[in-house]
Amino acid sequence: MHDFQFFGGGWMMFFWWFLIIALIVIIVKALFYSKPNREKYTPLEILERRYAKGEIDKEEYEKRKEDLL
């Protein structure tokens, strides 16, 4: 008979199934777990976020805001 001859038969069948499942997992991770692009934020928005998080104090925030504007 010609069982699994298209996929190479025997152990090759397991290899192809592993490859197909791995590709599906990679595609799903790329679609659903991608990080947002940080370049879409303006420098002022980044500065405001840093101030809101408490990374910089008010004096430094005001100074850098003046520099940006």
C-alpha atoms as a PDB file:
ATOM      1  CA  MET A   1       0.000   0.000   0.000  1.00  0.00           C
ATOM      2  CA  HIS A   2       0.936   3.632  -0.249  1.00  0.00           C
ATOM      3  CA  ASP A   3       0.381   4.755   3.350  1.00  0.00           C
ATOM      4  CA  PHE A   4       1.544   8.334   3.981  1.00  0.00           C
ATOM      5  CA  GLN A   5       3.794   8.353   0.912  1.00  0.00           C
ATOM      6  CA  PHE A   6       3.032  12.017   0.256  1.00  0.00           C
ATOM      7  CA  PHE A   7       4.463  13.033   3.648  1.00  0.00           C
ATOM      8  CA  GLY A   8       7.429  10.677   3.463  1.00  0.00           C
ATOM      9  CA  GLY A   9       5.901   7.931   5.607  1.00  0.00           C
ATOM     10  CA  GLY A  10       6.711   6.738   9.116  1.00  0.00           C
ATOM     11  CA  TRP A  11       8.781   9.210  11.138  1.00  0.00           C
ATOM     12  CA  MET A  12       8.548  11.879   8.469  1.00  0.00           C
ATOM     13  CA  MET A  13       4.819  12.125   9.150  1.00  0.00           C
ATOM     14  CA  PHE A  14       5.568  13.146  12.741  1.00  0.00           C
ATOM     15  CA  PHE A  15       8.116  15.682  11.513  1.00  0.00           C
ATOM     16  CA  TRP A  16       5.574  17.333   9.173  1.00  0.00           C
ATOM     17  CA  TRP A  17       2.892  17.455  11.879  1.00  0.00           C
ATOM     18  CA  PHE A  18       5.396  19.013  14.303  1.00  0.00           C
ATOM     19  CA  LEU A  19       6.368  21.569  11.666  1.00  0.00           C
ATOM     20  CA  ILE A  20       2.746  22.475  10.917  1.00  0.00           C
ATOM     21  CA  ILE A  21       1.862  22.848  14.608  1.00  0.00           C
ATOM     22  CA  ALA A  22       5.005  24.912  15.276  1.00  0.00           C
ATOM     23  CA  LEU A  23       4.139  27.291  12.421  1.00  0.00           C
ATOM     24  CA  ILE A  24       0.594  27.711  13.734  1.00  0.00           C
ATOM     25  CA  VAL A  25       1.928  28.514  17.224  1.00  0.00           C
ATOM     26  CA  ILE A  26       4.402  31.057  15.824  1.00  0.00           C
ATOM     27  CA  ILE A  27       1.697  32.775  13.767  1.00  0.00           C
ATOM     28  CA  VAL A  28      -0.723  32.929  16.713  1.00  0.00           C
ATOM     29  CA  LYS A  29       1.966  34.379  19.008  1.00  0.00           C
ATOM     30  CA  ALA A  30       2.901  36.977  16.402  1.00  0.00           C
ATOM     31  CA  LEU A  31      -0.704  38.073  15.962  1.00  0.00           C
ATOM     32  CA  PHE A  32      -1.857  38.179  19.572  1.00  0.00           C
ATOM     33  CA  TYR A  33       1.244  38.845  21.654  1.00  0.00           C
ATOM     34  CA  SER A  34       2.994  41.547  19.665  1.00  0.00           C
ATOM     35  CA  LYS A  35       4.236  44.498  21.695  1.00  0.00           C
ATOM     36  CA  PRO A  36       2.986  47.947  20.782  1.00  0.00           C
ATOM     37  CA  ASN A  37       5.375  50.026  18.727  1.00  0.00           C
ATOM     38  CA  ARG A  38       6.932  52.613  21.039  1.00  0.00           C
ATOM     39  CA  GLU A  39       7.854  54.891  18.136  1.00  0.00           C
ATOM     40  CA  LYS A  40       4.258  56.022  17.721  1.00  0.00           C
ATOM     41  CA  TYR A  41       4.461  58.105  20.921  1.00  0.00           C
ATOM     42  CA  THR A  42       5.680  61.669  20.673  1.00  0.00           C
ATOM     43  CA  PRO A  43       8.545  62.789  22.924  1.00  0.00           C
ATOM     44  CA  LEU A  44       6.102  64.865  24.983  1.00  0.00           C
ATOM     45  CA  GLU A  45       3.851  61.839  25.529  1.00  0.00           C
ATOM     46  CA  ILE A  46       6.834  59.792  26.654  1.00  0.00           C
ATOM     47  CA  LEU A  47       7.826  62.572  29.053  1.00  0.00           C
ATOM     48  CA  GLU A  48       4.284  62.728  30.462  1.00  0.00           C
ATOM     49  CA  ARG A  49       4.262  58.958  30.971  1.00  0.00           C
ATOM     50  CA  ARG A  50       7.588  59.071  32.806  1.00  0.00           C
ATOM     51  CA  TYR A  51       6.284  61.834  35.067  1.00  0.00           C
ATOM     52  CA  ALA A  52       3.032  59.929  35.700  1.00  0.00           C
ATOM     53  CA  LYS A  53       4.990  56.789  36.628  1.00  0.00           C
ATOM     54  CA  GLY A  54       7.139  58.778  39.052  1.00  0.00           C
ATOM     55  CA  GLU A  55      10.389  58.181  37.183  1.00  0.00           C
ATOM     56  CA  ILE A  56      11.138  61.921  37.156  1.00  0.00           C
ATOM     57  CA  ASP A  57      10.162  64.703  39.549  1.00  0.00           C
ATOM     58  CA  LYS A  58       8.180  67.853  38.721  1.00  0.00           C
ATOM     59  CA  GLU A  59      11.281  70.037  38.357  1.00  0.00           C
ATOM     60  CA  GLU A  60      12.866  67.710  35.804  1.00  0.00           C
ATOM     61  CA  TYR A  61       9.518  67.325  34.005  1.00  0.00           C
ATOM     62  CA  GLU A  62       9.100  71.099  33.659  1.00  0.00           C
ATOM     63  CA  LYS A  63      12.706  71.536  32.480  1.00  0.00           C
ATOM     64  CA  ARG A  64      12.466  68.851  29.824  1.00  0.00           C
ATOM     65  CA  LYS A  65       9.046  70.068  28.720  1.00  0.00           C
ATOM     66  CA  GLU A  66      10.514  73.545  28.137  1.00  0.00           C
ATOM     67  CA  ASP A  67      13.313  71.971  26.090  1.00  0.00           C
ATOM     68  CA  LEU A  68      10.843  70.063  23.931  1.00  0.00           C
ATOM     69  CA  LEU A  69       8.588  73.022  23.296  1.00  0.00           C
END
